[in-house]
């Protein structure tokens, strides 16, 4: 009986489930419980027979050996069930990676004033980061997750963090409006075909805003050359151009085109008569014609010339 007592005590301890299930996978706990339920009848029988033999003062060796065999068989069942318990895989690194990603994406970066391409890329990477966090939570809350699943989820979270940080740093201010405004401000103003007086007025108007105009151009040029200006820098440069551009437009409006000096039909006729008279005069002189012929030729030369010069004078007067 002294041999039976320790075995019976060991069986009782095991049957009372003084077996820790802490940090065990849920599926292995279910397998353990199912195995214990299947062995429960055998365990109860072994306990009952052991208690009976222990309580018998004059138990025979056969009774002791039979009870001991049942106890040992029941204990083997308990050990088999216990072997089904499996520790949860360590997910502490995944938890830390997920928490770090959560901190990284909060708060969201402002995309106001950024280019469409960089904004689209940033939003896509932020969405991918949120999905990686959601997937990581699912793996963390899954007590049956394997080490491979946990490691894969951690790699996904870390990749999402790298790509999100890169997309955030690649956000670029939209300079398209500034470029367009700068090109308009720098367009050439042709004055060759403008009235001199209007050109003088234009130059005076530009001279009055020269400092403001040069500052707006310089700031815009510097901002456009900057590969990564802030949205505020772009806005300031654009506002300066928008302020000075109306003043430039007012100066340009002072320019007036020259009148068409190609000549009227009457001027052309007079010019032809002048040439004809000059030719006639030459012929008269060389041909030793009569004075009347010479006088007539001179009149044909002087009168058209006078008319032509008068019309040219009137056009110059109207020009100013």
C-alpha atoms as a PDB file:
ATOM      1  CA  UNK A   1       0.000   0.000   0.000  1.00  0.00           C
ATOM      2  CA  UNK A   2       2.913   2.331   0.565  1.00  0.00           C
ATOM      3  CA  UNK A   3       3.695   1.921  -3.149  1.00  0.00           C
ATOM      4  CA  UNK A   4       0.123   2.843  -4.107  1.00  0.00           C
ATOM      5  CA  UNK A   5      -0.227   5.918  -1.951  1.00  0.00           C
ATOM      6  CA  UNK A   6       2.166   8.242  -3.879  1.00  0.00           C
ATOM      7  CA  UNK A   7       0.725   7.169  -7.228  1.00  0.00           C
ATOM      8  CA  UNK A   8      -2.811   7.768  -6.067  1.00  0.00           C
ATOM      9  CA  UNK A   9      -1.868  11.183  -4.717  1.00  0.00           C
ATOM     10  CA  UNK A  10      -0.218  12.072  -8.005  1.00  0.00           C
ATOM     11  CA  UNK A  11      -3.330  11.025  -9.914  1.00  0.00           C
ATOM     12  CA  UNK A  12      -5.566  13.119  -7.689  1.00  0.00           C
ATOM     13  CA  UNK A  13      -3.402  16.189  -8.208  1.00  0.00           C
ATOM     14  CA  UNK A  14      -3.497  15.735 -11.981  1.00  0.00           C
ATOM     15  CA  UNK A  15      -7.208  15.098 -12.104  1.00  0.00           C
ATOM     16  CA  UNK A  16      -7.909  18.277 -10.192  1.00  0.00           C
ATOM     17  CA  UNK A  17      -6.280  20.063 -13.123  1.00  0.00           C
ATOM     18  CA  UNK A  18      -3.521  21.706 -11.219  1.00  0.00           C
ATOM     19  CA  UNK A  19      -2.036  22.171 -14.667  1.00  0.00           C
ATOM     20  CA  UNK A  20      -1.408  25.755 -15.734  1.00  0.00           C
ATOM     21  CA  UNK A  21      -3.175  26.870 -18.897  1.00  0.00           C
ATOM     22  CA  UNK A  22      -1.697  30.347 -18.714  1.00  0.00           C
ATOM     23  CA  UNK A  23      -0.122  31.603 -21.964  1.00  0.00           C
ATOM     24  CA  UNK A  24      -1.301  28.485 -23.802  1.00  0.00           C
ATOM     25  CA  UNK A  25      -2.869  28.635 -27.228  1.00  0.00           C
ATOM     26  CA  UNK A  26      -6.687  28.439 -27.221  1.00  0.00           C
ATOM     27  CA  UNK A  27      -6.709  25.530 -29.657  1.00  0.00           C
ATOM     28  CA  UNK A  28      -4.291  23.509 -27.505  1.00  0.00           C
ATOM     29  CA  UNK A  29      -6.403  24.226 -24.425  1.00  0.00           C
ATOM     30  CA  UNK A  30      -9.454  22.908 -26.246  1.00  0.00           C
ATOM     31  CA  UNK A  31      -7.525  19.793 -27.257  1.00  0.00           C
ATOM     32  CA  UNK A  32      -6.377  19.336 -23.668  1.00  0.00           C
ATOM     33  CA  UNK A  33      -9.893  19.687 -22.293  1.00  0.00           C
ATOM     34  CA  UNK A  34     -11.265  17.235 -24.848  1.00  0.00           C
ATOM     35  CA  UNK A  35      -8.575  14.692 -24.000  1.00  0.00           C
ATOM     36  CA  UNK A  36      -9.274  15.076 -20.270  1.00  0.00           C
ATOM     37  CA  UNK A  37     -13.000  14.642 -20.862  1.00  0.00           C
ATOM     38  CA  UNK A  38     -12.409  11.446 -22.780  1.00  0.00           C
ATOM     39  CA  UNK A  39     -10.165  10.118 -19.997  1.00  0.00           C
ATOM     40  CA  UNK A  40     -12.394  11.283 -17.138  1.00  0.00           C
ATOM     41  CA  UNK A  41     -14.211   7.967 -16.707  1.00  0.00           C
ATOM     42  CA  UNK A  42     -10.911   6.088 -16.605  1.00  0.00           C
ATOM     43  CA  UNK A  43      -9.499   8.583 -14.132  1.00  0.00           C
ATOM     44  CA  UNK A  44     -12.551   8.277 -11.895  1.00  0.00           C
ATOM     45  CA  UNK A  45     -12.348   4.470 -11.952  1.00  0.00           C
ATOM     46  CA  UNK A  46      -8.647   4.518 -11.108  1.00  0.00           C
ATOM     47  CA  UNK A  47      -9.295   6.882  -8.210  1.00  0.00           C
ATOM     48  CA  UNK A  48     -12.169   4.821  -6.915  1.00  0.00           C
ATOM     49  CA  UNK A  49     -10.215   1.556  -7.035  1.00  0.00           C
ATOM     50  CA  UNK A  50      -7.159   3.166  -5.455  1.00  0.00           C
ATOM     51  CA  UNK A  51      -9.246   4.678  -2.657  1.00  0.00           C
ATOM     52  CA  UNK A  52     -10.873   1.293  -2.047  1.00  0.00           C
ATOM     53  CA  UNK A  53      -7.578  -0.589  -1.891  1.00  0.00           C
ATOM     54  CA  UNK A  54      -6.020   2.084   0.302  1.00  0.00           C
ATOM     55  CA  UNK A  55      -9.020   1.813   2.653  1.00  0.00           C
ATOM     56  CA  UNK A  56      -8.810  -2.001   2.837  1.00  0.00           C
ATOM     57  CA  UNK A  57      -6.745  -3.094   5.798  1.00  0.00           C
ATOM     58  CA  UNK A  58      -5.852  -6.468   4.379  1.00  0.00           C
ATOM     59  CA  UNK A  59      -5.754  -5.815   0.613  1.00  0.00           C
ATOM     60  CA  UNK A  60      -4.138  -8.565  -1.378  1.00  0.00           C
ATOM     61  CA  UNK A  61      -1.116  -7.935  -3.614  1.00  0.00           C
ATOM     62  CA  UNK A  62      -3.327  -8.637  -6.614  1.00  0.00           C
ATOM     63  CA  UNK A  63      -5.748  -5.866  -5.554  1.00  0.00           C
ATOM     64  CA  UNK A  64      -2.849  -3.480  -5.028  1.00  0.00           C
ATOM     65  CA  UNK A  65      -1.256  -4.287  -8.365  1.00  0.00           C
ATOM     66  CA  UNK A  66      -4.572  -3.939 -10.195  1.00  0.00           C
ATOM     67  CA  UNK A  67      -5.286  -0.569  -8.611  1.00  0.00           C
ATOM     68  CA  UNK A  68      -1.745   0.589  -9.263  1.00  0.00           C
ATOM     69  CA  UNK A  69      -1.986  -0.393 -12.934  1.00  0.00           C
ATOM     70  CA  UNK A  70      -5.217   1.586 -13.292  1.00  0.00           C
ATOM     71  CA  UNK A  71      -3.643   4.581 -11.588  1.00  0.00           C
ATOM     72  CA  UNK A  72      -0.616   4.457 -13.867  1.00  0.00           C
ATOM     73  CA  UNK A  73      -2.799   4.118 -16.989  1.00  0.00           C
ATOM     74  CA  UNK A  74      -4.925   7.074 -15.911  1.00  0.00           C
ATOM     75  CA  UNK A  75      -1.823   9.123 -15.205  1.00  0.00           C
ATOM     76  CA  UNK A  76      -0.546   8.371 -18.697  1.00  0.00           C
ATOM     77  CA  UNK A  77      -3.790   9.751 -20.116  1.00  0.00           C
ATOM     78  CA  UNK A  78      -3.348  12.895 -18.070  1.00  0.00           C
ATOM     79  CA  UNK A  79       0.241  13.274 -19.290  1.00  0.00           C
ATOM     80  CA  UNK A  80      -0.888  12.805 -22.881  1.00  0.00           C
ATOM     81  CA  UNK A  81      -3.514  15.506 -22.470  1.00  0.00           C
ATOM     82  CA  UNK A  82      -0.986  17.811 -20.825  1.00  0.00           C
ATOM     83  CA  UNK A  83       1.394  17.316 -23.750  1.00  0.00           C
ATOM     84  CA  UNK A  84      -1.252  18.781 -26.038  1.00  0.00           C
ATOM     85  CA  UNK A  85      -0.884  22.197 -24.389  1.00  0.00           C
ATOM     86  CA  UNK A  86       1.267  24.579 -26.450  1.00  0.00           C
ATOM     87  CA  UNK A  87       2.691  27.945 -25.471  1.00  0.00           C
ATOM     88  CA  UNK A  88       1.554  31.011 -27.392  1.00  0.00           C
ATOM     89  CA  UNK A  89       4.110  32.399 -29.843  1.00  0.00           C
ATOM     90  CA  UNK A  90       5.858  35.559 -28.657  1.00  0.00           C
ATOM     91  CA  UNK A  91       4.195  38.558 -30.328  1.00  0.00           C
ATOM     92  CA  UNK A  92       5.843  41.293 -28.263  1.00  0.00           C
ATOM     93  CA  UNK A  93       7.871  42.603 -31.230  1.00  0.00           C
ATOM     94  CA  UNK A  94       4.741  42.809 -33.360  1.00  0.00           C
ATOM     95  CA  UNK A  95       2.950  44.715 -30.615  1.00  0.00           C
ATOM     96  CA  UNK A  96       5.787  47.257 -30.392  1.00  0.00           C
ATOM     97  CA  UNK A  97       5.996  47.662 -34.175  1.00  0.00           C
ATOM     98  CA  UNK A  98       2.249  48.218 -34.425  1.00  0.00           C
ATOM     99  CA  UNK A  99       2.246  50.810 -31.633  1.00  0.00           C
ATOM    100  CA  UNK A 100       5.125  52.663 -33.274  1.00  0.00           C
ATOM    101  CA  UNK A 101       3.282  52.774 -36.594  1.00  0.00           C
ATOM    102  CA  UNK A 102       0.156  54.067 -34.867  1.00  0.00           C
ATOM    103  CA  UNK A 103       2.165  56.905 -33.360  1.00  0.00           C
ATOM    104  CA  UNK A 104       3.830  57.662 -36.711  1.00  0.00           C
ATOM    105  CA  UNK A 105       0.624  58.197 -38.675  1.00  0.00           C
ATOM    106  CA  UNK A 106      -0.920  60.457 -36.031  1.00  0.00           C
ATOM    107  CA  UNK A 107      -1.681  63.186 -36.696  1.00  0.00           C
ATOM    108  CA  UNK A 108      -2.157  63.010 -40.451  1.00  0.00           C
ATOM    109  CA  UNK A 109       0.019  65.305 -42.550  1.00  0.00           C
ATOM    110  CA  UNK A 110      -1.661  68.266 -44.229  1.00  0.00           C
ATOM    111  CA  UNK A 111      -1.966  67.884 -47.999  1.00  0.00           C
ATOM    112  CA  UNK A 112      -3.424  71.347 -48.589  1.00  0.00           C
ATOM    113  CA  UNK A 113      -1.516  73.025 -51.400  1.00  0.00           C
ATOM    114  CA  UNK A 114       0.435  69.880 -52.322  1.00  0.00           C
ATOM    115  CA  UNK A 115       0.755  68.396 -55.800  1.00  0.00           C
ATOM    116  CA  UNK A 116      -1.861  65.864 -56.853  1.00  0.00           C
ATOM    117  CA  UNK A 117       0.716  63.114 -57.396  1.00  0.00           C
ATOM    118  CA  UNK A 118       2.417  63.489 -54.015  1.00  0.00           C
ATOM    119  CA  UNK A 119      -0.959  63.785 -52.268  1.00  0.00           C
ATOM    120  CA  UNK A 120      -2.272  60.660 -53.987  1.00  0.00           C
ATOM    121  CA  UNK A 121       0.863  58.705 -53.036  1.00  0.00           C
ATOM    122  CA  UNK A 122       0.680  59.897 -49.425  1.00  0.00           C
ATOM    123  CA  UNK A 123      -2.988  58.928 -49.083  1.00  0.00           C
ATOM    124  CA  UNK A 124      -2.304  55.487 -50.550  1.00  0.00           C
ATOM    125  CA  UNK A 125       0.563  54.817 -48.147  1.00  0.00           C
ATOM    126  CA  UNK A 126      -1.454  56.046 -45.181  1.00  0.00           C
ATOM    127  CA  UNK A 127      -4.290  53.715 -46.126  1.00  0.00           C
ATOM    128  CA  UNK A 128      -1.786  50.848 -46.420  1.00  0.00           C
ATOM    129  CA  UNK A 129      -0.450  51.695 -42.947  1.00  0.00           C
ATOM    130  CA  UNK A 130      -3.944  51.624 -41.468  1.00  0.00           C
ATOM    131  CA  UNK A 131      -4.591  48.249 -43.078  1.00  0.00           C
ATOM    132  CA  UNK A 132      -1.280  46.926 -41.714  1.00  0.00           C
ATOM    133  CA  UNK A 133      -2.314  48.017 -38.213  1.00  0.00           C
ATOM    134  CA  UNK A 134      -5.703  46.350 -38.587  1.00  0.00           C
ATOM    135  CA  UNK A 135      -4.081  43.118 -39.765  1.00  0.00           C
ATOM    136  CA  UNK A 136      -1.552  43.260 -36.915  1.00  0.00           C
ATOM    137  CA  UNK A 137      -4.358  43.606 -34.370  1.00  0.00           C
ATOM    138  CA  UNK A 138      -5.990  40.513 -35.801  1.00  0.00           C
ATOM    139  CA  UNK A 139      -2.766  38.522 -35.445  1.00  0.00           C
ATOM    140  CA  UNK A 140      -2.112  39.863 -31.935  1.00  0.00           C
ATOM    141  CA  UNK A 141      -5.613  38.921 -30.793  1.00  0.00           C
ATOM    142  CA  UNK A 142      -5.293  35.466 -32.326  1.00  0.00           C
ATOM    143  CA  UNK A 143      -3.927  33.276 -29.549  1.00  0.00           C
ATOM    144  CA  UNK A 144      -3.252  30.520 -32.073  1.00  0.00           C
ATOM    145  CA  UNK A 145      -1.088  32.690 -34.339  1.00  0.00           C
ATOM    146  CA  UNK A 146       2.110  30.957 -35.296  1.00  0.00           C
ATOM    147  CA  UNK A 147       5.575  32.474 -35.111  1.00  0.00           C
ATOM    148  CA  UNK A 148       5.599  32.720 -38.902  1.00  0.00           C
ATOM    149  CA  UNK A 149       2.299  34.584 -38.978  1.00  0.00           C
ATOM    150  CA  UNK A 150       3.500  36.977 -36.303  1.00  0.00           C
ATOM    151  CA  UNK A 151       6.784  37.570 -38.123  1.00  0.00           C
ATOM    152  CA  UNK A 152       5.007  38.183 -41.441  1.00  0.00           C
ATOM    153  CA  UNK A 153       2.662  40.695 -39.799  1.00  0.00           C
ATOM    154  CA  UNK A 154       5.611  42.471 -38.194  1.00  0.00           C
ATOM    155  CA  UNK A 155       7.387  42.731 -41.548  1.00  0.00           C
ATOM    156  CA  UNK A 156       4.232  44.170 -43.111  1.00  0.00           C
ATOM    157  CA  UNK A 157       3.938  46.780 -40.364  1.00  0.00           C
ATOM    158  CA  UNK A 158       7.584  47.782 -40.649  1.00  0.00           C
ATOM    159  CA  UNK A 159       7.358  48.075 -44.434  1.00  0.00           C
ATOM    160  CA  UNK A 160       4.192  50.180 -44.125  1.00  0.00           C
ATOM    161  CA  UNK A 161       5.993  52.478 -41.703  1.00  0.00           C
ATOM    162  CA  UNK A 162       8.965  52.956 -44.045  1.00  0.00           C
ATOM    163  CA  UNK A 163       6.752  53.657 -47.045  1.00  0.00           C
ATOM    164  CA  UNK A 164       4.493  56.008 -45.098  1.00  0.00           C
ATOM    165  CA  UNK A 165       7.462  58.012 -43.810  1.00  0.00           C
ATOM    166  CA  UNK A 166       8.863  58.235 -47.341  1.00  0.00           C
ATOM    167  CA  UNK A 167       5.533  59.342 -48.812  1.00  0.00           C
ATOM    168  CA  UNK A 168       5.154  61.960 -46.106  1.00  0.00           C
ATOM    169  CA  UNK A 169       8.634  63.365 -46.749  1.00  0.00           C
ATOM    170  CA  UNK A 170       7.933  63.380 -50.511  1.00  0.00           C
ATOM    171  CA  UNK A 171       4.900  65.651 -50.227  1.00  0.00           C
ATOM    172  CA  UNK A 172       5.630  68.622 -52.477  1.00  0.00           C
ATOM    173  CA  UNK A 173       4.018  72.024 -52.672  1.00  0.00           C
ATOM    174  CA  UNK A 174       2.152  72.633 -55.934  1.00  0.00           C
ATOM    175  CA  UNK A 175       4.047  75.302 -57.874  1.00  0.00           C
ATOM    176  CA  UNK A 176       2.000  75.159 -61.084  1.00  0.00           C
ATOM    177  CA  UNK A 177       0.028  78.363 -60.401  1.00  0.00           C
ATOM    178  CA  UNK A 178       3.189  80.168 -59.353  1.00  0.00           C
ATOM    179  CA  UNK A 179       4.967  79.034 -62.541  1.00  0.00           C
ATOM    180  CA  UNK A 180       2.107  80.252 -64.710  1.00  0.00           C
ATOM    181  CA  UNK A 181       1.934  83.608 -62.931  1.00  0.00           C
ATOM    182  CA  UNK A 182       5.720  84.001 -63.138  1.00  0.00           C
ATOM    183  CA  UNK A 183       5.714  83.294 -66.885  1.00  0.00           C
ATOM    184  CA  UNK A 184       2.979  85.881 -67.406  1.00  0.00           C
ATOM    185  CA  UNK A 185       4.865  88.477 -65.387  1.00  0.00           C
ATOM    186  CA  UNK A 186       8.048  87.844 -67.394  1.00  0.00           C
ATOM    187  CA  UNK A 187       6.506  87.928 -70.859  1.00  0.00           C
ATOM    188  CA  UNK A 188       8.135  90.368 -73.281  1.00  0.00           C
ATOM    189  CA  UNK A 189       6.400  93.692 -73.868  1.00  0.00           C
ATOM    190  CA  UNK A 190       7.088  94.929 -77.406  1.00  0.00           C
ATOM    191  CA  UNK A 191       7.332  98.693 -77.747  1.00  0.00           C
ATOM    192  CA  UNK A 192       8.804  99.012 -81.240  1.00  0.00           C
ATOM    193  CA  UNK A 193       5.412  99.519 -82.838  1.00  0.00           C
ATOM    194  CA  UNK A 194       4.114 101.826 -80.106  1.00  0.00           C
ATOM    195  CA  UNK A 195       3.924 105.598 -80.057  1.00  0.00           C
ATOM    196  CA  UNK A 196       7.015 107.114 -78.416  1.00  0.00           C
ATOM    197  CA  UNK A 197       4.945 109.186 -76.021  1.00  0.00           C
ATOM    198  CA  UNK A 198       3.029 106.128 -74.843  1.00  0.00           C
ATOM    199  CA  UNK A 199       6.310 104.232 -74.483  1.00  0.00           C
ATOM    200  CA  UNK A 200       7.626 106.992 -72.231  1.00  0.00           C
ATOM    201  CA  UNK A 201       4.507 106.789 -70.085  1.00  0.00           C
ATOM    202  CA  UNK A 202       4.837 102.989 -69.924  1.00  0.00           C
ATOM    203  CA  UNK A 203       8.479 103.207 -68.848  1.00  0.00           C
ATOM    204  CA  UNK A 204       7.621 105.754 -66.161  1.00  0.00           C
ATOM    205  CA  UNK A 205       4.865 103.509 -64.773  1.00  0.00           C
ATOM    206  CA  UNK A 206       7.186 100.504 -64.713  1.00  0.00           C
ATOM    207  CA  UNK A 207       9.874 102.597 -63.043  1.00  0.00           C
ATOM    208  CA  UNK A 208       7.460 103.510 -60.252  1.00  0.00           C
ATOM    209  CA  UNK A 209       6.868  99.833 -59.419  1.00  0.00           C
ATOM    210  CA  UNK A 210      10.369  98.597 -60.277  1.00  0.00           C
ATOM    211  CA  UNK A 211      11.313  97.642 -56.707  1.00  0.00           C
ATOM    212  CA  UNK A 212       8.083  95.756 -56.098  1.00  0.00           C
ATOM    213  CA  UNK A 213       8.292  94.099 -59.519  1.00  0.00           C
ATOM    214  CA  UNK A 214      11.901  92.963 -59.072  1.00  0.00           C
ATOM    215  CA  UNK A 215      11.155  91.602 -55.591  1.00  0.00           C
ATOM    216  CA  UNK A 216       8.178  89.604 -56.862  1.00  0.00           C
ATOM    217  CA  UNK A 217      10.234  88.167 -59.714  1.00  0.00           C
ATOM    218  CA  UNK A 218      13.195  87.308 -57.495  1.00  0.00           C
ATOM    219  CA  UNK A 219      11.058  85.594 -54.834  1.00  0.00           C
ATOM    220  CA  UNK A 220       9.119  83.627 -57.431  1.00  0.00           C
ATOM    221  CA  UNK A 221      12.301  82.552 -59.217  1.00  0.00           C
ATOM    222  CA  UNK A 222      13.921  81.447 -55.953  1.00  0.00           C
ATOM    223  CA  UNK A 223      10.836  79.494 -54.905  1.00  0.00           C
ATOM    224  CA  UNK A 224      10.540  77.798 -58.290  1.00  0.00           C
ATOM    225  CA  UNK A 225      14.204  76.727 -58.174  1.00  0.00           C
ATOM    226  CA  UNK A 226      13.728  75.314 -54.668  1.00  0.00           C
ATOM    227  CA  UNK A 227      13.102  71.565 -54.995  1.00  0.00           C
ATOM    228  CA  UNK A 228      11.086  71.420 -51.794  1.00  0.00           C
ATOM    229  CA  UNK A 229       9.605  74.769 -50.816  1.00  0.00           C
ATOM    230  CA  UNK A 230       6.923  74.950 -48.191  1.00  0.00           C
ATOM    231  CA  UNK A 231       3.323  75.625 -49.163  1.00  0.00           C
ATOM    232  CA  UNK A 232       3.582  78.942 -47.338  1.00  0.00           C
ATOM    233  CA  UNK A 233       6.616  79.993 -49.395  1.00  0.00           C
ATOM    234  CA  UNK A 234       4.734  79.266 -52.614  1.00  0.00           C
ATOM    235  CA  UNK A 235       1.700  81.188 -51.406  1.00  0.00           C
ATOM    236  CA  UNK A 236       3.756  84.232 -50.408  1.00  0.00           C
ATOM    237  CA  UNK A 237       5.563  84.306 -53.759  1.00  0.00           C
ATOM    238  CA  UNK A 238       2.283  83.924 -55.655  1.00  0.00           C
ATOM    239  CA  UNK A 239       0.616  86.690 -53.638  1.00  0.00           C
ATOM    240  CA  UNK A 240       3.452  89.084 -54.486  1.00  0.00           C
ATOM    241  CA  UNK A 241       2.998  88.407 -58.203  1.00  0.00           C
ATOM    242  CA  UNK A 242      -0.788  88.733 -57.945  1.00  0.00           C
ATOM    243  CA  UNK A 243      -0.279  92.104 -56.258  1.00  0.00           C
ATOM    244  CA  UNK A 244       2.131  93.572 -58.803  1.00  0.00           C
ATOM    245  CA  UNK A 245       0.636  92.033 -61.967  1.00  0.00           C
ATOM    246  CA  UNK A 246      -2.376  94.438 -62.129  1.00  0.00           C
ATOM    247  CA  UNK A 247       0.056  97.374 -61.909  1.00  0.00           C
ATOM    248  CA  UNK A 248       2.073  95.941 -64.775  1.00  0.00           C
ATOM    249  CA  UNK A 249      -1.134  95.486 -66.771  1.00  0.00           C
ATOM    250  CA  UNK A 250      -2.033  99.122 -66.161  1.00  0.00           C
ATOM    251  CA  UNK A 251       1.367 100.189 -67.449  1.00  0.00           C
ATOM    252  CA  UNK A 252       0.974  98.012 -70.546  1.00  0.00           C
ATOM    253  CA  UNK A 253      -2.440  99.554 -71.161  1.00  0.00           C
ATOM    254  CA  UNK A 254      -0.708 102.937 -71.580  1.00  0.00           C
ATOM    255  CA  UNK A 255       0.985 101.758 -74.771  1.00  0.00           C
ATOM    256  CA  UNK A 256      -0.658 102.898 -77.981  1.00  0.00           C
ATOM    257  CA  UNK A 257       0.103 101.514 -81.433  1.00  0.00           C
ATOM    258  CA  UNK A 258       1.527 103.779 -84.117  1.00  0.00           C
ATOM    259  CA  UNK A 259      -0.782 104.910 -86.905  1.00  0.00           C
ATOM    260  CA  UNK A 260      -0.572 103.056 -90.184  1.00  0.00           C
ATOM    261  CA  UNK A 261       1.919 105.080 -92.236  1.00  0.00           C
ATOM    262  CA  UNK A 262       1.718 102.998 -95.358  1.00  0.00           C
ATOM    263  CA  UNK A 263       0.039 106.046 -97.075  1.00  0.00           C
ATOM    264  CA  UNK A 264      -3.391 106.782 -98.523  1.00  0.00           C
ATOM    265  CA  UNK A 265      -4.264 106.330-102.222  1.00  0.00           C
ATOM    266  CA  UNK A 266      -4.081 110.119-102.664  1.00  0.00           C
ATOM    267  CA  UNK A 267      -0.542 110.150-101.305  1.00  0.00           C
ATOM    268  CA  UNK A 268       0.403 107.432-103.763  1.00  0.00           C
ATOM    269  CA  UNK A 269      -1.034 109.391-106.654  1.00  0.00           C
ATOM    270  CA  UNK A 270       0.834 112.524-105.582  1.00  0.00           C
ATOM    271  CA  UNK A 271       4.051 110.608-105.294  1.00  0.00           C
ATOM    272  CA  UNK A 272       3.593 109.167-108.795  1.00  0.00           C
ATOM    273  CA  UNK A 273       2.855 112.643-110.192  1.00  0.00           C
ATOM    274  CA  UNK A 274       5.964 113.971-108.497  1.00  0.00           C
ATOM    275  CA  UNK A 275       8.099 111.314-110.128  1.00  0.00           C
ATOM    276  CA  UNK A 276       6.441 111.901-113.484  1.00  0.00           C
ATOM    277  CA  UNK A 277       7.001 115.659-113.243  1.00  0.00           C
ATOM    278  CA  UNK A 278      10.609 115.183-112.256  1.00  0.00           C
ATOM    279  CA  UNK A 279      11.157 112.929-115.234  1.00  0.00           C
ATOM    280  CA  UNK A 280       9.389 115.439-117.503  1.00  0.00           C
ATOM    281  CA  UNK A 281      11.508 118.288-116.196  1.00  0.00           C
ATOM    282  CA  UNK A 282      14.657 116.370-116.933  1.00  0.00           C
ATOM    283  CA  UNK A 283      13.458 115.599-120.437  1.00  0.00           C
ATOM    284  CA  UNK A 284      12.531 119.245-121.031  1.00  0.00           C
ATOM    285  CA  UNK A 285      15.874 120.537-119.921  1.00  0.00           C
ATOM    286  CA  UNK A 286      17.889 118.076-121.929  1.00  0.00           C
ATOM    287  CA  UNK A 287      15.672 118.507-124.955  1.00  0.00           C
ATOM    288  CA  UNK A 288      15.900 122.354-124.852  1.00  0.00           C
ATOM    289  CA  UNK A 289      12.124 122.687-124.952  1.00  0.00           C
ATOM    290  CA  UNK A 290      10.335 126.012-124.717  1.00  0.00           C
ATOM    291  CA  UNK A 291      10.045 127.823-121.354  1.00  0.00           C
ATOM    292  CA  UNK A 292       6.346 127.094-121.265  1.00  0.00           C
ATOM    293  CA  UNK A 293       7.051 123.427-121.301  1.00  0.00           C
ATOM    294  CA  UNK A 294       9.600 123.810-118.559  1.00  0.00           C
ATOM    295  CA  UNK A 295       7.163 125.888-116.457  1.00  0.00           C
ATOM    296  CA  UNK A 296       4.479 123.268-116.887  1.00  0.00           C
ATOM    297  CA  UNK A 297       6.874 120.536-115.808  1.00  0.00           C
ATOM    298  CA  UNK A 298       7.953 122.506-112.740  1.00  0.00           C
ATOM    299  CA  UNK A 299       4.324 123.016-111.693  1.00  0.00           C
ATOM    300  CA  UNK A 300       3.746 119.308-112.035  1.00  0.00           C
ATOM    301  CA  UNK A 301       6.757 118.811-109.792  1.00  0.00           C
ATOM    302  CA  UNK A 302       6.007 121.394-107.107  1.00  0.00           C
ATOM    303  CA  UNK A 303       2.235 121.040-106.632  1.00  0.00           C
ATOM    304  CA  UNK A 304       2.173 117.269-106.016  1.00  0.00           C
ATOM    305  CA  UNK A 305       5.200 117.618-103.792  1.00  0.00           C
ATOM    306  CA  UNK A 306       3.466 120.262-101.740  1.00  0.00           C
ATOM    307  CA  UNK A 307       0.348 118.121-101.373  1.00  0.00           C
ATOM    308  CA  UNK A 308       2.407 115.060-100.437  1.00  0.00           C
ATOM    309  CA  UNK A 309       4.386 116.954 -97.793  1.00  0.00           C
ATOM    310  CA  UNK A 310       1.216 118.489 -96.373  1.00  0.00           C
ATOM    311  CA  UNK A 311      -0.381 115.082 -95.929  1.00  0.00           C
ATOM    312  CA  UNK A 312       2.762 113.700 -94.331  1.00  0.00           C
ATOM    313  CA  UNK A 313       2.790 116.637 -91.905  1.00  0.00           C
ATOM    314  CA  UNK A 314      -0.834 116.027 -90.951  1.00  0.00           C
ATOM    315  CA  UNK A 315      -0.126 112.338 -90.299  1.00  0.00           C
ATOM    316  CA  UNK A 316       2.795 113.218 -88.019  1.00  0.00           C
ATOM    317  CA  UNK A 317       0.586 115.662 -86.159  1.00  0.00           C
ATOM    318  CA  UNK A 318      -2.107 113.042 -85.634  1.00  0.00           C
ATOM    319  CA  UNK A 319       0.565 110.560 -84.599  1.00  0.00           C
ATOM    320  CA  UNK A 320       1.337 112.609 -81.503  1.00  0.00           C
END
